[in-house]
Amino acid sequence: MLSYKYRFYPSTEIKNNIAVALNHCRFTYNKLLELYHNGKIKNVYDACNHVVTLKQEHPELKTVYSKTLQRVGNHLFNNISVVRTLKNRGFNPGKLRYKSEHRFRTLEYNQSGFKLTEKLLELSRIGTVKLILHRPLPEGKIKSVLITKTKSGEYYAILQVETSGIKMLQNDKLQNDKAVGLDMGVRTFCYDSDGNFVDNPKFLEKSLRKIKLLQRTLSRKQGFSHNWVKTKQKLAKLHEYVANQRSNRNHQVSRYYVNNYGVICVEDLDILRMLNRQNRTGKTLRRNISDAGWGDFLSKLAYKAESAGRILVKVNPRETSQKCYHCGNIVKKDLSDRVHDCPYCGVSINRDFNSALNILKKGLELLSEGRKPPGLPAEPMVTGYVPKPLVLNQEAPALRPG
């Protein structure tokens, strides 16, 4: 299943139809959540069955396509499942909240209720919209369509396509068994075992002053007034701009590594737990970890590696930065120590480079099941080593996100 996201610009009539459908779906979600809290429904099947009862009690719900209302129950129990998983992992996510008007922004058409003809997408009970097809759809059956309205008021259609087989990259130079280890960081976004690195532009930090000014302005407006809504949309657009910058960078870096390596070894990071270590992680460091976008990058790297037939290995990050790649001894370092100086074997290299080499070694050991891993360099570059920034625009394919 591949998802393709396209922008569209609805007319006033279509906007009103979408708003009505979102409001009815939100009402259904809140009713089902209330019944769940009261113990009257216990699973997704009970929720879907109760939608029929709600339509009889509230005839206005019949103006929404039937399967779109049915999917509200699936949406609710997906959220319940996520909350339960977080509790099992030791977090305290609290309870699900009832959705307000500004917090329910997605409609789902599953299996039916939509029809795509060239650029025109026909949606049952809403109308026809013209999609901006900035890239072609792959061959395959469209299983579902998501209509979403962003916080800034933009409209997107997400088409989920079922493709057959594995999408392999058609390029002779990509058919190789080169392996690479990637170390994720804050000062440098990514450092690999070949000595290349990607700088961390810190997109949020660059826009932080504007964000703070808009948040201060928003706090002084009367809630839900016309000026409050306008300021809130400006703030949402700025946040989306930062998120788009981060996503574009992650697309380019993940595409580079999938194009040039057959085996990619990364750390299996528990990012959520890192962000919740209140005693060990300062506020600024937590913000920088979130701004780095490691989770989004690893997610993009995973699906691209799978579609290209690459091998992605996740290794335990324990001691990858403290252990010496050359001799295997533990050399304790603080976060401020950026150079790995080993007193046992004399190796002196960049801390992140040493970590990337350890990640590569661990990943290849996992692949070889305890045997001597192939492809490891005999000695690290300890003399004449100069780190190289990774230039993503060396080749045209690396510039295309996705």
Protein backbone atom coordinates (compact mmCIF):
# COMPACT_ATOMS: atom_id res chain seq x y z
CA MET A 1 0.00 0.00 0.00
CA LEU A 2 1.46 3.32 -1.10
CA SER A 3 -0.02 6.72 -0.25
CA TYR A 4 0.05 9.66 -2.66
CA LYS A 5 -0.88 13.10 -1.43
CA TYR A 6 -2.31 15.75 -3.78
CA ARG A 7 -3.48 19.30 -3.20
CA PHE A 8 -6.84 20.56 -4.43
CA TYR A 9 -8.67 23.87 -4.28
CA PRO A 10 -12.40 23.31 -3.59
CA SER A 11 -15.17 25.72 -4.48
CA THR A 12 -17.28 27.35 -1.79
CA GLU A 13 -19.99 24.71 -2.25
CA ILE A 14 -17.50 21.83 -1.90
CA LYS A 15 -15.97 23.49 1.18
CA ASN A 16 -19.41 23.70 2.80
CA ASN A 17 -20.13 20.05 1.96
CA ILE A 18 -16.81 18.96 3.47
CA ALA A 19 -17.46 21.07 6.57
CA VAL A 20 -20.90 19.48 7.04
CA ALA A 21 -19.49 15.97 6.60
CA LEU A 22 -16.65 16.67 9.06
CA ASN A 23 -19.11 18.01 11.62
CA HIS A 24 -21.35 14.92 11.36
CA CYS A 25 -18.36 12.57 11.59
CA ARG A 26 -17.09 14.48 14.62
CA PHE A 27 -20.52 14.15 16.26
CA THR A 28 -20.47 10.40 15.58
CA TYR A 29 -16.93 10.08 17.00
CA ASN A 30 -17.89 11.87 20.21
CA LYS A 31 -21.05 9.78 20.64
CA LEU A 32 -19.10 6.53 20.16
CA LEU A 33 -16.42 7.69 22.59
CA GLU A 34 -19.10 8.48 25.18
CA LEU A 35 -20.60 5.01 24.73
CA TYR A 36 -17.14 3.47 25.10
CA HIS A 37 -16.51 5.33 28.36
CA ASN A 38 -19.92 4.12 29.64
CA GLY A 39 -19.07 0.52 28.72
CA LYS A 40 -21.86 0.16 26.13
CA ILE A 41 -19.48 -0.65 23.26
CA LYS A 42 -16.31 -2.70 23.70
CA ASN A 43 -14.83 -3.19 20.22
CA VAL A 44 -14.86 -1.85 16.70
CA TYR A 45 -17.69 -4.16 15.65
CA ASP A 46 -19.98 -2.78 18.34
CA ALA A 47 -19.07 0.75 17.22
CA CYS A 48 -19.87 0.07 13.55
CA ASN A 49 -23.17 -1.56 14.49
CA HIS A 50 -24.14 1.38 16.68
CA VAL A 51 -23.59 3.81 13.80
CA VAL A 52 -26.81 2.42 12.28
CA THR A 53 -28.69 3.28 15.49
CA LEU A 54 -27.23 6.78 15.50
CA LYS A 55 -28.42 7.35 11.93
CA GLN A 56 -31.94 6.39 12.95
CA GLU A 57 -31.86 8.71 15.97
CA HIS A 58 -30.24 11.58 14.00
CA PRO A 59 -31.49 11.56 10.35
CA GLU A 60 -29.06 14.36 9.38
CA LEU A 61 -26.23 11.81 9.55
CA LYS A 62 -27.65 10.17 6.43
CA THR A 63 -26.28 13.08 4.37
CA VAL A 64 -22.79 11.59 4.87
CA TYR A 65 -21.66 8.61 2.79
CA SER A 66 -22.35 5.45 4.80
CA LYS A 67 -18.84 3.96 4.74
CA THR A 68 -17.33 7.28 5.76
CA LEU A 69 -19.40 7.17 8.95
CA GLN A 70 -18.49 3.51 9.49
CA ARG A 71 -14.78 4.34 9.36
CA VAL A 72 -15.22 6.73 12.29
CA GLY A 73 -15.53 3.67 14.55
CA ASN A 74 -12.27 2.26 13.18
CA HIS A 75 -10.61 5.62 13.75
CA LEU A 76 -11.78 5.67 17.38
CA PHE A 77 -10.52 2.19 18.22
CA ASN A 78 -7.21 2.84 16.48
CA ASN A 79 -6.74 5.76 18.89
CA ILE A 80 -7.76 3.55 21.82
CA SER A 81 -5.19 0.97 20.74
CA VAL A 82 -2.44 3.62 20.60
CA VAL A 83 -3.30 4.87 24.12
CA ARG A 84 -3.26 1.31 25.46
CA THR A 85 0.12 0.63 23.84
CA LEU A 86 1.64 3.77 25.38
CA LYS A 87 0.34 2.79 28.82
CA ASN A 88 1.87 -0.68 28.44
CA ARG A 89 5.21 0.96 27.62
CA GLY A 90 5.15 2.92 30.87
CA PHE A 91 3.89 6.30 29.63
CA ASN A 92 0.90 8.23 30.94
CA PRO A 93 -1.02 9.46 27.86
CA GLY A 94 -4.23 10.12 29.79
CA LYS A 95 -7.67 9.54 28.25
CA LEU A 96 -9.02 10.26 24.80
CA ARG A 97 -10.67 13.65 24.56
CA TYR A 98 -13.85 14.56 22.76
CA LYS A 99 -13.15 16.22 19.42
CA SER A 100 -13.87 19.92 19.07
CA GLU A 101 -14.67 21.56 15.74
CA HIS A 102 -11.00 22.41 15.08
CA ARG A 103 -9.65 18.96 15.99
CA PHE A 104 -11.47 16.73 13.50
CA ARG A 105 -10.20 17.29 9.97
CA THR A 106 -10.24 13.98 8.04
CA LEU A 107 -12.83 12.06 6.02
CA GLU A 108 -12.15 8.53 4.79
CA TYR A 109 -13.67 6.82 1.75
CA ASN A 110 -12.85 3.12 1.98
CA GLN A 111 -13.22 0.81 -1.05
CA SER A 112 -16.11 2.78 -2.58
CA GLY A 113 -17.75 6.20 -2.76
CA PHE A 114 -15.08 7.76 -4.98
CA LYS A 115 -14.09 7.76 -8.64
CA LEU A 116 -10.92 9.14 -10.22
CA THR A 117 -10.99 10.21 -13.87
CA GLU A 118 -7.71 11.77 -15.00
CA LYS A 119 -7.43 14.78 -12.65
CA LEU A 120 -11.03 14.80 -11.42
CA LEU A 121 -11.90 13.06 -8.15
CA GLU A 122 -15.61 12.45 -7.62
CA LEU A 123 -16.63 12.01 -3.97
CA SER A 124 -20.05 10.72 -2.97
CA ARG A 125 -22.27 13.27 -1.13
CA ILE A 126 -19.58 15.98 -1.55
CA GLY A 127 -18.94 16.63 -5.25
CA THR A 128 -16.10 16.66 -7.76
CA VAL A 129 -12.71 18.26 -7.12
CA LYS A 130 -9.72 18.79 -9.42
CA LEU A 131 -6.47 17.36 -8.08
CA ILE A 132 -3.06 18.94 -8.65
CA LEU A 133 -1.21 15.82 -9.89
CA HIS A 134 2.38 16.93 -9.32
CA ARG A 135 3.49 13.31 -9.84
CA PRO A 136 1.76 10.40 -11.59
CA LEU A 137 -0.08 7.67 -9.76
CA PRO A 138 1.43 4.16 -10.02
CA GLU A 139 -0.43 1.30 -11.61
CA GLY A 140 -2.68 -0.35 -9.08
CA LYS A 141 -6.08 -0.27 -7.45
CA ILE A 142 -7.02 2.71 -5.29
CA LYS A 143 -8.25 1.17 -2.05
CA SER A 144 -9.20 4.30 -0.14
CA VAL A 145 -9.20 8.09 -0.27
CA LEU A 146 -8.59 10.42 2.67
CA ILE A 147 -9.81 14.01 2.46
CA THR A 148 -8.00 16.16 4.98
CA LYS A 149 -8.13 19.83 5.88
CA THR A 150 -4.98 21.20 7.50
CA LYS A 151 -4.93 23.65 10.40
CA SER A 152 -4.03 26.43 7.97
CA GLY A 153 -7.11 25.73 5.82
CA GLU A 154 -5.48 23.80 2.94
CA TYR A 155 -7.16 20.76 1.42
CA TYR A 156 -5.45 17.52 0.41
CA ALA A 157 -6.54 14.17 -0.99
CA ILE A 158 -4.47 11.15 0.04
CA LEU A 159 -4.90 8.22 -2.35
CA GLN A 160 -3.90 4.82 -0.96
CA VAL A 161 -2.89 2.55 -3.85
CA GLU A 162 -2.37 -1.20 -3.70
CA THR A 163 0.60 -2.04 -5.92
CA SER A 164 1.60 -5.53 -7.03
CA GLY A 165 5.13 -6.81 -6.40
CA ILE A 166 8.20 -4.93 -5.20
CA LYS A 167 9.08 -1.66 -6.89
CA MET A 168 12.75 -2.14 -7.81
CA LEU A 169 15.04 0.69 -8.84
CA GLN A 170 15.99 0.44 -12.50
CA ASN A 171 19.59 1.57 -12.40
CA ASP A 172 22.66 -0.63 -12.93
CA LYS A 173 24.90 1.34 -10.61
CA LEU A 174 22.45 0.80 -7.75
CA GLN A 175 22.90 -2.97 -7.85
CA ASN A 176 25.63 -3.20 -5.20
CA ASP A 177 26.25 -4.69 -1.77
CA LYS A 178 27.82 -1.62 -0.21
CA ALA A 179 27.02 -1.27 3.48
CA VAL A 180 26.79 1.89 5.55
CA GLY A 181 26.18 2.74 9.19
CA LEU A 182 24.25 5.88 10.14
CA ASP A 183 24.56 7.75 13.42
CA MET A 184 21.81 10.27 14.16
CA GLY A 185 22.69 13.44 16.04
CA VAL A 186 21.66 16.97 16.92
CA ARG A 187 24.73 18.98 15.94
CA THR A 188 25.03 17.00 12.71
CA PHE A 189 21.78 15.42 11.58
CA CYS A 190 23.41 12.29 10.21
CA TYR A 191 26.97 10.91 10.13
CA ASP A 192 27.80 7.79 8.10
CA SER A 193 30.60 5.22 8.28
CA ASP A 194 32.14 6.53 5.04
CA GLY A 195 32.96 9.84 6.71
CA ASN A 196 30.10 11.83 5.15
CA PHE A 197 27.76 13.94 7.22
CA VAL A 198 24.61 16.02 6.80
CA ASP A 199 24.37 19.29 8.70
CA ASN A 200 21.36 19.93 10.90
CA PRO A 201 19.82 23.25 9.71
CA LYS A 202 17.59 23.42 12.86
CA PHE A 203 14.56 24.61 10.93
CA LEU A 204 12.47 25.23 14.05
CA GLU A 205 15.18 27.34 15.70
CA LYS A 206 15.37 29.59 12.62
CA SER A 207 11.62 30.28 12.77
CA LEU A 208 11.31 30.20 16.56
CA ARG A 209 11.27 33.99 17.01
CA LYS A 210 8.39 34.42 14.51
CA ILE A 211 6.51 31.54 16.14
CA LYS A 212 6.85 33.09 19.60
CA LEU A 213 5.64 36.48 18.35
CA LEU A 214 2.57 34.92 16.70
CA GLN A 215 1.81 32.84 19.80
CA ARG A 216 2.01 35.99 21.92
CA THR A 217 -0.29 37.81 19.50
CA LEU A 218 -2.73 34.89 19.49
CA SER A 219 -2.89 34.80 23.30
CA ARG A 220 -4.06 38.43 23.32
CA LYS A 221 -6.96 37.85 20.92
CA GLN A 222 -10.47 37.05 22.04
CA GLY A 223 -10.97 33.32 21.67
CA PHE A 224 -12.64 32.20 18.39
CA SER A 225 -13.05 35.78 17.17
CA HIS A 226 -12.34 36.65 13.52
CA ASN A 227 -8.88 38.04 14.32
CA TRP A 228 -8.13 35.03 16.52
CA VAL A 229 -8.91 32.67 13.63
CA LYS A 230 -6.74 34.69 11.21
CA THR A 231 -3.78 34.71 13.61
CA LYS A 232 -4.20 31.00 14.35
CA GLN A 233 -4.06 30.23 10.61
CA LYS A 234 -0.88 32.31 10.25
CA LEU A 235 0.70 30.35 13.09
CA ALA A 236 -0.42 27.05 11.56
CA LYS A 237 1.07 28.00 8.18
CA LEU A 238 4.40 28.80 9.81
CA HIS A 239 4.44 25.45 11.62
CA GLU A 240 3.56 23.67 8.35
CA TYR A 241 6.36 25.52 6.59
CA VAL A 242 8.87 24.26 9.16
CA ALA A 243 7.47 20.71 8.94
CA ASN A 244 7.68 20.79 5.12
CA GLN A 245 11.32 21.91 5.28
CA ARG A 246 12.13 19.04 7.61
CA SER A 247 10.23 16.51 5.52
CA ASN A 248 11.94 17.63 2.30
CA ARG A 249 15.38 17.22 3.91
CA ASN A 250 14.44 13.75 5.18
CA HIS A 251 13.22 12.75 1.71
CA GLN A 252 16.47 13.82 0.07
CA VAL A 253 18.80 12.17 2.62
CA SER A 254 16.85 8.90 2.71
CA ARG A 255 16.75 8.78 -1.09
CA TYR A 256 20.53 9.31 -1.25
CA TYR A 257 21.30 6.35 1.01
CA VAL A 258 18.74 4.04 -0.62
CA ASN A 259 20.17 4.90 -4.05
CA ASN A 260 23.79 4.29 -3.12
CA TYR A 261 23.85 1.45 -0.57
CA GLY A 262 22.52 -2.10 -0.45
CA VAL A 263 22.74 -2.53 3.35
CA ILE A 264 21.85 0.35 5.68
CA CYS A 265 22.46 0.00 9.43
CA VAL A 266 20.75 2.43 11.82
CA GLU A 267 20.15 2.75 15.56
CA ASP A 268 16.86 1.43 16.97
CA LEU A 269 16.09 4.67 18.82
CA ASP A 270 13.30 4.99 21.38
CA ILE A 271 12.74 8.67 20.60
CA LEU A 272 9.62 9.03 22.73
CA ARG A 273 11.45 7.80 25.82
CA MET A 274 14.38 10.12 25.07
CA LEU A 275 12.00 13.09 25.00
CA ASN A 276 10.43 12.09 28.32
CA ARG A 277 13.64 11.80 30.33
CA GLN A 278 12.95 14.97 32.29
CA ASN A 279 15.88 14.63 34.68
CA ARG A 280 18.56 13.95 32.06
CA THR A 281 17.36 15.90 29.04
CA GLY A 282 17.05 19.67 29.14
CA LYS A 283 14.23 21.61 27.49
CA THR A 284 16.46 22.90 24.67
CA LEU A 285 17.86 19.43 23.93
CA ARG A 286 14.35 17.94 23.84
CA ARG A 287 13.29 20.65 21.38
CA ASN A 288 16.35 19.99 19.21
CA ILE A 289 15.67 16.24 19.20
CA SER A 290 12.11 16.90 18.04
CA ASP A 291 13.31 19.41 15.46
CA ALA A 292 15.86 16.93 14.05
CA GLY A 293 13.03 14.66 12.84
CA TRP A 294 14.79 11.32 13.39
CA GLY A 295 11.56 9.35 13.53
CA ASP A 296 10.26 10.79 10.25
CA PHE A 297 13.64 10.15 8.58
CA LEU A 298 13.84 6.53 9.75
CA SER A 299 10.25 5.93 8.63
CA LYS A 300 10.98 7.30 5.14
CA LEU A 301 14.22 5.32 4.99
CA ALA A 302 12.38 2.11 5.94
CA TYR A 303 9.67 2.24 3.27
CA LYS A 304 12.05 3.38 0.54
CA ALA A 305 14.52 0.62 1.40
CA GLU A 306 11.73 -1.96 1.27
CA SER A 307 10.40 -0.73 -2.08
CA ALA A 308 13.94 -0.70 -3.54
CA GLY A 309 14.88 -4.16 -2.25
CA ARG A 310 17.45 -2.80 0.20
CA ILE A 311 18.28 -4.29 3.62
CA LEU A 312 17.64 -2.03 6.61
CA VAL A 313 19.15 -3.27 9.89
CA LYS A 314 18.21 -1.73 13.25
CA VAL A 315 20.78 -2.26 15.99
CA ASN A 316 20.79 -1.65 19.72
CA PRO A 317 22.24 1.87 20.29
CA ARG A 318 23.79 0.85 23.62
CA GLU A 319 27.46 1.92 23.89
CA THR A 320 27.76 2.78 20.18
CA SER A 321 29.22 6.18 21.07
CA GLN A 322 31.27 5.04 24.09
CA LYS A 323 32.90 1.97 22.55
CA CYS A 324 36.09 2.30 20.51
CA TYR A 325 35.63 0.93 17.02
CA HIS A 326 39.29 -0.08 16.71
CA CYS A 327 40.00 -1.95 19.95
CA GLY A 328 36.54 -2.44 21.46
CA ASN A 329 37.32 -0.77 24.81
CA ILE A 330 34.83 1.55 26.51
CA VAL A 331 35.89 5.21 26.54
CA LYS A 332 33.44 7.29 28.61
CA LYS A 333 32.41 10.60 27.04
CA ASP A 334 29.96 13.38 27.83
CA LEU A 335 27.67 14.90 25.20
CA SER A 336 30.03 17.87 24.98
CA ASP A 337 32.97 15.62 24.01
CA ARG A 338 32.93 15.65 20.21
CA VAL A 339 36.21 13.75 19.61
CA HIS A 340 36.83 10.08 20.38
CA ASP A 341 40.35 9.82 21.87
CA CYS A 342 41.08 6.22 22.81
CA PRO A 343 43.84 5.91 25.48
CA TYR A 344 44.19 2.18 24.76
CA CYS A 345 44.96 2.11 21.00
CA GLY A 346 45.57 5.79 20.21
CA VAL A 347 42.69 6.24 17.76
CA SER A 348 41.50 9.86 17.52
CA ILE A 349 38.50 10.44 15.29
CA ASN A 350 35.18 12.29 15.32
CA ARG A 351 32.81 10.96 17.97
CA ASP A 352 29.92 10.52 15.50
CA PHE A 353 32.19 8.83 12.96
CA ASN A 354 33.28 6.32 15.60
CA SER A 355 29.62 5.73 16.46
CA ALA A 356 28.68 5.16 12.81
CA LEU A 357 31.48 2.59 12.46
CA ASN A 358 30.21 0.74 15.54
CA ILE A 359 26.66 0.77 14.15
CA LEU A 360 27.92 -0.66 10.85
CA LYS A 361 29.85 -3.38 12.69
CA LYS A 362 26.84 -4.33 14.83
CA GLY A 363 24.52 -4.41 11.82
CA LEU A 364 26.78 -6.64 9.76
CA GLU A 365 27.25 -8.96 12.74
CA LEU A 366 23.47 -9.32 12.96
CA LEU A 367 23.29 -10.13 9.26
CA SER A 368 26.09 -12.68 9.46
CA GLU A 369 24.59 -14.38 12.56
CA GLY A 370 27.76 -14.29 14.59
CA ARG A 371 30.18 -15.09 11.76
CA LYS A 372 32.87 -12.64 10.74
CA PRO A 373 30.93 -9.87 8.98
CA PRO A 374 31.91 -9.13 5.38
CA GLY A 375 32.61 -5.66 4.07
CA LEU A 376 34.09 -4.10 7.21
CA PRO A 377 37.10 -1.84 6.73
CA ALA A 378 40.22 -3.38 8.29
CA GLU A 379 41.29 -0.14 9.95
CA PRO A 380 39.49 3.15 10.58
CA MET A 381 40.82 6.32 9.05
CA VAL A 382 42.95 7.62 11.90
CA THR A 383 45.44 9.69 9.91
CA GLY A 384 44.70 12.34 7.36
CA TYR A 385 40.96 12.03 8.00
CA VAL A 386 38.91 15.04 6.92
CA PRO A 387 35.11 14.87 7.39
CA LYS A 388 33.10 15.57 4.24
CA PRO A 389 29.69 17.24 4.15
CA LEU A 390 27.25 15.21 2.10
CA VAL A 391 26.22 17.18 -1.02
CA LEU A 392 22.75 15.97 -1.93
CA ASN A 393 22.53 17.75 -5.27
CA GLN A 394 25.42 15.91 -6.90
CA GLU A 395 22.90 13.88 -8.87
CA ALA A 396 19.43 14.81 -10.03
CA PRO A 397 17.62 11.78 -8.44
CA ALA A 398 18.73 12.89 -4.96
CA LEU A 399 16.86 16.17 -5.39
CA ARG A 400 13.47 14.57 -5.89
CA PRO A 401 11.66 13.96 -2.61
CA GLY A 402 9.82 10.64 -2.36
